[in-house]
Amino acid sequence: MESQLIVGIDDRELRSATARKLYELGCRFDSQRLSVGDYVVSGRCCIERKNDSDFEQSIMDGRLFTQASELCSAYKAPVIGIVGNGFCRLDRKAIRGAQASLAVDFRIPVFFFPTEEEFAEFVYALAFREQATGNGPPRMQTAKKEVALADLQQLAVESLPSIGPVHARALLSRFGSVAKVYNAAVEELVQVEGVGKVRAERMRTVIDSAYADSKAKEATAKAATALASADAEDPRVA
């Protein structure tokens, strides 16, 4: 292709090794603050880049599947690229499970790269293919699209332990609302296909237990101690 490739890039990625390599390969950048993804190579294809530790953290806090939903809402052919292989907080089974969920439930392929440079070469190849086959220049998504109510409801149920997209949809179909899922007893939850007793009990533990934020409690205790100390030193306090 004779014309220079154009890659849309989030402005926070401009100093990355990926951006430097893409520049060396001859790409021209359209830099903006993106609300979805990190690199855009055509009107339909956006790439979310994560390093290994961020990928693990996004699985643990559920952010990964929220981002996946947003990617699917904004682009027809989203891709996720993971740079690095230093996974230390989750075992390989959990990593593969997340990869399978992205591929099957969201139709998002996930690729792993050992270095930023190899990831950049992949972005370049994808941009070349997309722009050479008539899918147009990058279409930047700079304003968040409104997430559908059904997607928000599903994400709310997915926040429960061991509940993925398939389980969340099954629970919502059975009970009809997020509130009814949250209020269901263990005996009712286990009647949903794929939700066994252990998973149901974990759900109820999270829903029913008192909020236990040790950092918040520690901060409150320190504040109370400091206030008591200040009162003791203040002669105006009888």
Foldseek 3Di string as FASTA:
>chain_A
DPDAFEKEFEQVCCPPPLNVLLVVVRHHYDYDHAPAAGIFQFAAEGEHEEEQVVVVVCLVQVVVVVNLLQSVVRHVAYEYEYEADPDDPDDPVSVVVVQVCCCPVRVYHYYYHDHSNVVSVVSVVVSCVCVVVPRHGGDGHHDGDDRDPVVVQLSVVCSQPPDDSVLSVQLCVVQVGSVSSLVDALVVSCVGPPCHSVSSVSRPCVSPDDDDDPVVVVVVVVVVVVVVVVLVPDPVRD
